Amino acid sequence: MSRRRYISTDISVDRRINALSDFAALLYTWMVPHADDAGTITADPDEISWTGVPGRRRRTPQIAAALQEIEQQCLIITNVCNRLFFP
């Protein structure tokens, strides 16, 4: 896991990000630092809950729905190894 990721200030005016619900947008930005050096992260909503939003109450159903939203905006891609890729 990379310890440093930089998110451009352009993210706040990105049409795809602004099309997401508030929770999905927050989840997306919180998943970025947890991606590995290849830009992938687990696709399992439980694992994302444990790593990306551990301080929040268990939100697996909301996470699963948010991941679908994020994928519909082409911000992540699910690959065959059950990993999410940030293109």
N, C-alpha and C. Protein backbone atom coordinates (compact mmCIF):
# COMPACT_ATOMS: atom_id res chain seq x y z
N MET A 1 0.85 -1.17 0.00
CA MET A 1 0.00 0.00 0.00
C MET A 1 0.89 1.23 0.00
N SER A 2 0.60 2.10 -0.91
CA SER A 2 1.34 3.33 -0.97
C SER A 2 0.95 4.22 0.21
N ARG A 3 1.92 4.89 0.77
CA ARG A 3 1.64 5.75 1.92
C ARG A 3 1.34 7.19 1.51
N ARG A 4 1.60 7.52 0.26
CA ARG A 4 1.35 8.89 -0.17
C ARG A 4 0.63 8.87 -1.51
N ARG A 5 -0.51 9.49 -1.52
CA ARG A 5 -1.27 9.68 -2.74
C ARG A 5 -1.70 11.13 -2.75
N TYR A 6 -1.71 11.70 -3.90
CA TYR A 6 -2.12 13.09 -4.02
C TYR A 6 -3.38 13.15 -4.88
N ILE A 7 -4.36 13.86 -4.40
CA ILE A 7 -5.60 14.05 -5.13
C ILE A 7 -5.61 15.51 -5.56
N SER A 8 -5.75 15.72 -6.84
CA SER A 8 -5.75 17.08 -7.37
C SER A 8 -6.98 17.84 -6.90
N THR A 9 -6.84 19.14 -6.80
CA THR A 9 -7.99 19.97 -6.45
C THR A 9 -9.04 19.94 -7.56
N ASP A 10 -8.67 19.46 -8.74
CA ASP A 10 -9.63 19.32 -9.84
C ASP A 10 -10.74 18.34 -9.50
N ILE A 11 -10.53 17.49 -8.50
CA ILE A 11 -11.54 16.51 -8.13
C ILE A 11 -12.85 17.20 -7.72
N SER A 12 -12.77 18.38 -7.16
CA SER A 12 -13.98 19.05 -6.69
C SER A 12 -14.85 19.59 -7.83
N VAL A 13 -14.30 19.69 -9.03
CA VAL A 13 -15.09 20.15 -10.17
C VAL A 13 -15.25 19.07 -11.24
N ASP A 14 -14.84 17.85 -10.92
CA ASP A 14 -14.97 16.74 -11.87
C ASP A 14 -16.45 16.34 -11.97
N ARG A 15 -16.96 16.31 -13.19
CA ARG A 15 -18.38 15.99 -13.40
C ARG A 15 -18.73 14.59 -12.90
N ARG A 16 -17.81 13.64 -13.07
CA ARG A 16 -18.09 12.27 -12.64
C ARG A 16 -18.20 12.19 -11.12
N ILE A 17 -17.32 12.86 -10.42
CA ILE A 17 -17.37 12.87 -8.96
C ILE A 17 -18.64 13.57 -8.49
N ASN A 18 -18.98 14.67 -9.10
CA ASN A 18 -20.17 15.42 -8.69
C ASN A 18 -21.48 14.71 -9.04
N ALA A 19 -21.42 13.69 -9.90
CA ALA A 19 -22.61 12.90 -10.21
C ALA A 19 -22.87 11.84 -9.14
N LEU A 20 -21.88 11.60 -8.28
CA LEU A 20 -22.01 10.60 -7.23
C LEU A 20 -22.78 11.15 -6.03
N SER A 21 -23.37 10.23 -5.26
CA SER A 21 -23.96 10.63 -3.99
C SER A 21 -22.83 11.09 -3.07
N ASP A 22 -23.18 11.78 -2.00
CA ASP A 22 -22.15 12.26 -1.08
C ASP A 22 -21.34 11.10 -0.50
N PHE A 23 -22.01 10.02 -0.11
CA PHE A 23 -21.29 8.88 0.47
C PHE A 23 -20.36 8.25 -0.55
N ALA A 24 -20.82 8.08 -1.79
CA ALA A 24 -19.98 7.47 -2.82
C ALA A 24 -18.76 8.34 -3.12
N ALA A 25 -18.95 9.66 -3.17
CA ALA A 25 -17.82 10.56 -3.42
C ALA A 25 -16.81 10.49 -2.28
N LEU A 26 -17.29 10.46 -1.05
CA LEU A 26 -16.40 10.35 0.10
C LEU A 26 -15.67 9.01 0.08
N LEU A 27 -16.41 7.95 -0.18
CA LEU A 27 -15.79 6.62 -0.23
C LEU A 27 -14.71 6.57 -1.30
N TYR A 28 -14.99 7.11 -2.46
CA TYR A 28 -14.01 7.10 -3.55
C TYR A 28 -12.72 7.79 -3.10
N THR A 29 -12.84 8.97 -2.52
CA THR A 29 -11.63 9.69 -2.12
C THR A 29 -10.90 8.98 -0.98
N TRP A 30 -11.63 8.28 -0.13
CA TRP A 30 -10.99 7.55 0.97
C TRP A 30 -10.40 6.22 0.52
N MET A 31 -10.85 5.69 -0.62
CA MET A 31 -10.27 4.45 -1.14
C MET A 31 -8.93 4.69 -1.81
N VAL A 32 -8.75 5.85 -2.41
CA VAL A 32 -7.54 6.15 -3.18
C VAL A 32 -6.26 5.88 -2.38
N PRO A 33 -6.12 6.36 -1.14
CA PRO A 33 -4.87 6.11 -0.42
C PRO A 33 -4.62 4.65 -0.07
N HIS A 34 -5.66 3.83 -0.14
CA HIS A 34 -5.51 2.41 0.21
C HIS A 34 -5.18 1.54 -1.00
N ALA A 35 -5.14 2.12 -2.17
CA ALA A 35 -4.79 1.36 -3.37
C ALA A 35 -3.31 0.99 -3.33
N ASP A 36 -2.99 -0.15 -3.94
CA ASP A 36 -1.59 -0.55 -3.98
C ASP A 36 -0.86 0.23 -5.08
N ASP A 37 0.40 -0.06 -5.28
CA ASP A 37 1.20 0.68 -6.25
C ASP A 37 0.71 0.50 -7.68
N ALA A 38 -0.03 -0.57 -7.95
CA ALA A 38 -0.60 -0.81 -9.28
C ALA A 38 -1.94 -0.10 -9.45
N GLY A 39 -2.40 0.57 -8.41
CA GLY A 39 -3.66 1.29 -8.47
C GLY A 39 -4.88 0.41 -8.28
N THR A 40 -4.71 -0.69 -7.53
CA THR A 40 -5.85 -1.57 -7.29
C THR A 40 -6.16 -1.66 -5.80
N ILE A 41 -7.40 -2.04 -5.52
CA ILE A 41 -7.86 -2.24 -4.15
C ILE A 41 -8.88 -3.37 -4.20
N THR A 42 -9.10 -4.02 -3.11
CA THR A 42 -10.07 -5.11 -3.07
C THR A 42 -11.45 -4.64 -3.54
N ALA A 43 -12.20 -5.54 -4.13
CA ALA A 43 -13.56 -5.25 -4.56
C ALA A 43 -14.58 -5.69 -3.51
N ASP A 44 -14.12 -6.31 -2.44
CA ASP A 44 -15.01 -6.82 -1.39
C ASP A 44 -15.48 -5.67 -0.50
N PRO A 45 -16.80 -5.40 -0.48
CA PRO A 45 -17.31 -4.29 0.35
C PRO A 45 -16.94 -4.41 1.83
N ASP A 46 -16.89 -5.65 2.35
CA ASP A 46 -16.48 -5.82 3.76
C ASP A 46 -15.05 -5.37 3.96
N GLU A 47 -14.15 -5.78 3.08
CA GLU A 47 -12.74 -5.39 3.21
C GLU A 47 -12.57 -3.89 3.05
N ILE A 48 -13.33 -3.29 2.14
CA ILE A 48 -13.26 -1.83 1.98
C ILE A 48 -13.74 -1.15 3.26
N SER A 49 -14.77 -1.71 3.87
CA SER A 49 -15.26 -1.18 5.14
C SER A 49 -14.19 -1.23 6.21
N TRP A 50 -13.46 -2.34 6.27
CA TRP A 50 -12.43 -2.51 7.30
C TRP A 50 -11.23 -1.61 7.07
N THR A 51 -10.87 -1.37 5.80
CA THR A 51 -9.67 -0.59 5.52
C THR A 51 -9.95 0.87 5.20
N GLY A 52 -10.97 1.13 4.40
CA GLY A 52 -11.22 2.48 3.92
C GLY A 52 -12.00 3.36 4.86
N VAL A 53 -12.94 2.77 5.60
CA VAL A 53 -13.79 3.55 6.49
C VAL A 53 -13.94 2.84 7.84
N PRO A 54 -12.83 2.48 8.50
CA PRO A 54 -12.93 1.70 9.73
C PRO A 54 -13.58 2.43 10.89
N GLY A 55 -13.55 3.73 10.89
CA GLY A 55 -14.13 4.49 11.99
C GLY A 55 -15.63 4.66 11.89
N ARG A 56 -16.18 4.26 10.78
CA ARG A 56 -17.63 4.35 10.57
C ARG A 56 -18.29 3.06 10.99
N ARG A 57 -19.56 3.13 11.32
CA ARG A 57 -20.28 1.90 11.61
C ARG A 57 -20.30 1.05 10.36
N ARG A 58 -20.50 -0.21 10.57
CA ARG A 58 -20.51 -1.16 9.45
C ARG A 58 -21.53 -0.73 8.39
N ARG A 59 -21.06 -0.45 7.20
CA ARG A 59 -21.89 0.08 6.13
C ARG A 59 -21.77 -0.74 4.86
N THR A 60 -21.61 -2.05 4.97
CA THR A 60 -21.39 -2.88 3.79
C THR A 60 -22.45 -2.68 2.71
N PRO A 61 -23.75 -2.64 3.03
CA PRO A 61 -24.73 -2.42 1.96
C PRO A 61 -24.56 -1.07 1.25
N GLN A 62 -24.28 -0.02 2.03
CA GLN A 62 -24.05 1.29 1.41
C GLN A 62 -22.78 1.29 0.58
N ILE A 63 -21.77 0.57 1.04
CA ILE A 63 -20.51 0.51 0.30
C ILE A 63 -20.73 -0.21 -1.03
N ALA A 64 -21.45 -1.32 -1.02
CA ALA A 64 -21.73 -2.05 -2.25
C ALA A 64 -22.47 -1.16 -3.25
N ALA A 65 -23.46 -0.42 -2.78
CA ALA A 65 -24.20 0.48 -3.66
C ALA A 65 -23.32 1.62 -4.17
N ALA A 66 -22.48 2.15 -3.29
CA ALA A 66 -21.58 3.24 -3.68
C ALA A 66 -20.57 2.76 -4.72
N LEU A 67 -20.08 1.54 -4.57
CA LEU A 67 -19.13 1.00 -5.56
C LEU A 67 -19.78 0.89 -6.93
N GLN A 68 -21.05 0.52 -6.97
CA GLN A 68 -21.76 0.47 -8.26
C GLN A 68 -21.86 1.87 -8.87
N GLU A 69 -22.17 2.86 -8.04
CA GLU A 69 -22.24 4.24 -8.51
C GLU A 69 -20.91 4.69 -9.08
N ILE A 70 -19.84 4.40 -8.35
CA ILE A 70 -18.50 4.82 -8.76
C ILE A 70 -18.11 4.14 -10.06
N GLU A 71 -18.46 2.86 -10.18
CA GLU A 71 -18.13 2.12 -11.41
C GLU A 71 -18.94 2.64 -12.59
N GLN A 72 -20.19 3.02 -12.37
CA GLN A 72 -21.02 3.57 -13.44
C GLN A 72 -20.44 4.87 -14.00
N GLN A 73 -19.71 5.60 -13.17
CA GLN A 73 -19.07 6.84 -13.61
C GLN A 73 -17.68 6.58 -14.20
N CYS A 74 -17.31 5.31 -14.35
CA CYS A 74 -16.02 4.90 -14.91
C CYS A 74 -14.83 5.40 -14.10
N LEU A 75 -15.03 5.56 -12.79
CA LEU A 75 -13.94 5.97 -11.92
C LEU A 75 -13.16 4.78 -11.38
N ILE A 76 -13.78 3.59 -11.41
CA ILE A 76 -13.12 2.34 -11.06
C ILE A 76 -13.57 1.27 -12.05
N ILE A 77 -12.76 0.24 -12.18
CA ILE A 77 -13.06 -0.89 -13.04
C ILE A 77 -12.84 -2.15 -12.22
N THR A 78 -13.77 -3.09 -12.26
CA THR A 78 -13.60 -4.36 -11.57
C THR A 78 -12.90 -5.32 -12.52
N ASN A 79 -11.80 -5.92 -12.06
CA ASN A 79 -11.11 -6.88 -12.92
C ASN A 79 -11.41 -8.30 -12.49
N VAL A 80 -10.85 -9.27 -13.18
CA VAL A 80 -11.19 -10.67 -12.96
C VAL A 80 -10.71 -11.21 -11.61
N CYS A 81 -9.78 -10.59 -10.98
CA CYS A 81 -9.24 -11.07 -9.71
C CYS A 81 -9.98 -10.48 -8.52
N ASN A 82 -11.19 -9.96 -8.74
CA ASN A 82 -11.98 -9.35 -7.68
C ASN A 82 -11.25 -8.19 -7.02
N ARG A 83 -10.60 -7.39 -7.87
CA ARG A 83 -9.92 -6.19 -7.43
C ARG A 83 -10.50 -5.01 -8.19
N LEU A 84 -10.49 -3.85 -7.60
CA LEU A 84 -10.92 -2.63 -8.25
C LEU A 84 -9.68 -1.91 -8.74
N PHE A 85 -9.77 -1.36 -9.93
CA PHE A 85 -8.66 -0.65 -10.54
C PHE A 85 -9.05 0.79 -10.75
N PHE A 86 -8.19 1.71 -10.35
CA PHE A 86 -8.38 3.13 -10.59
C PHE A 86 -7.72 3.46 -11.92
N PRO A 87 -8.51 3.67 -13.00
CA PRO A 87 -7.89 3.92 -14.31
C PRO A 87 -7.19 5.27 -14.38
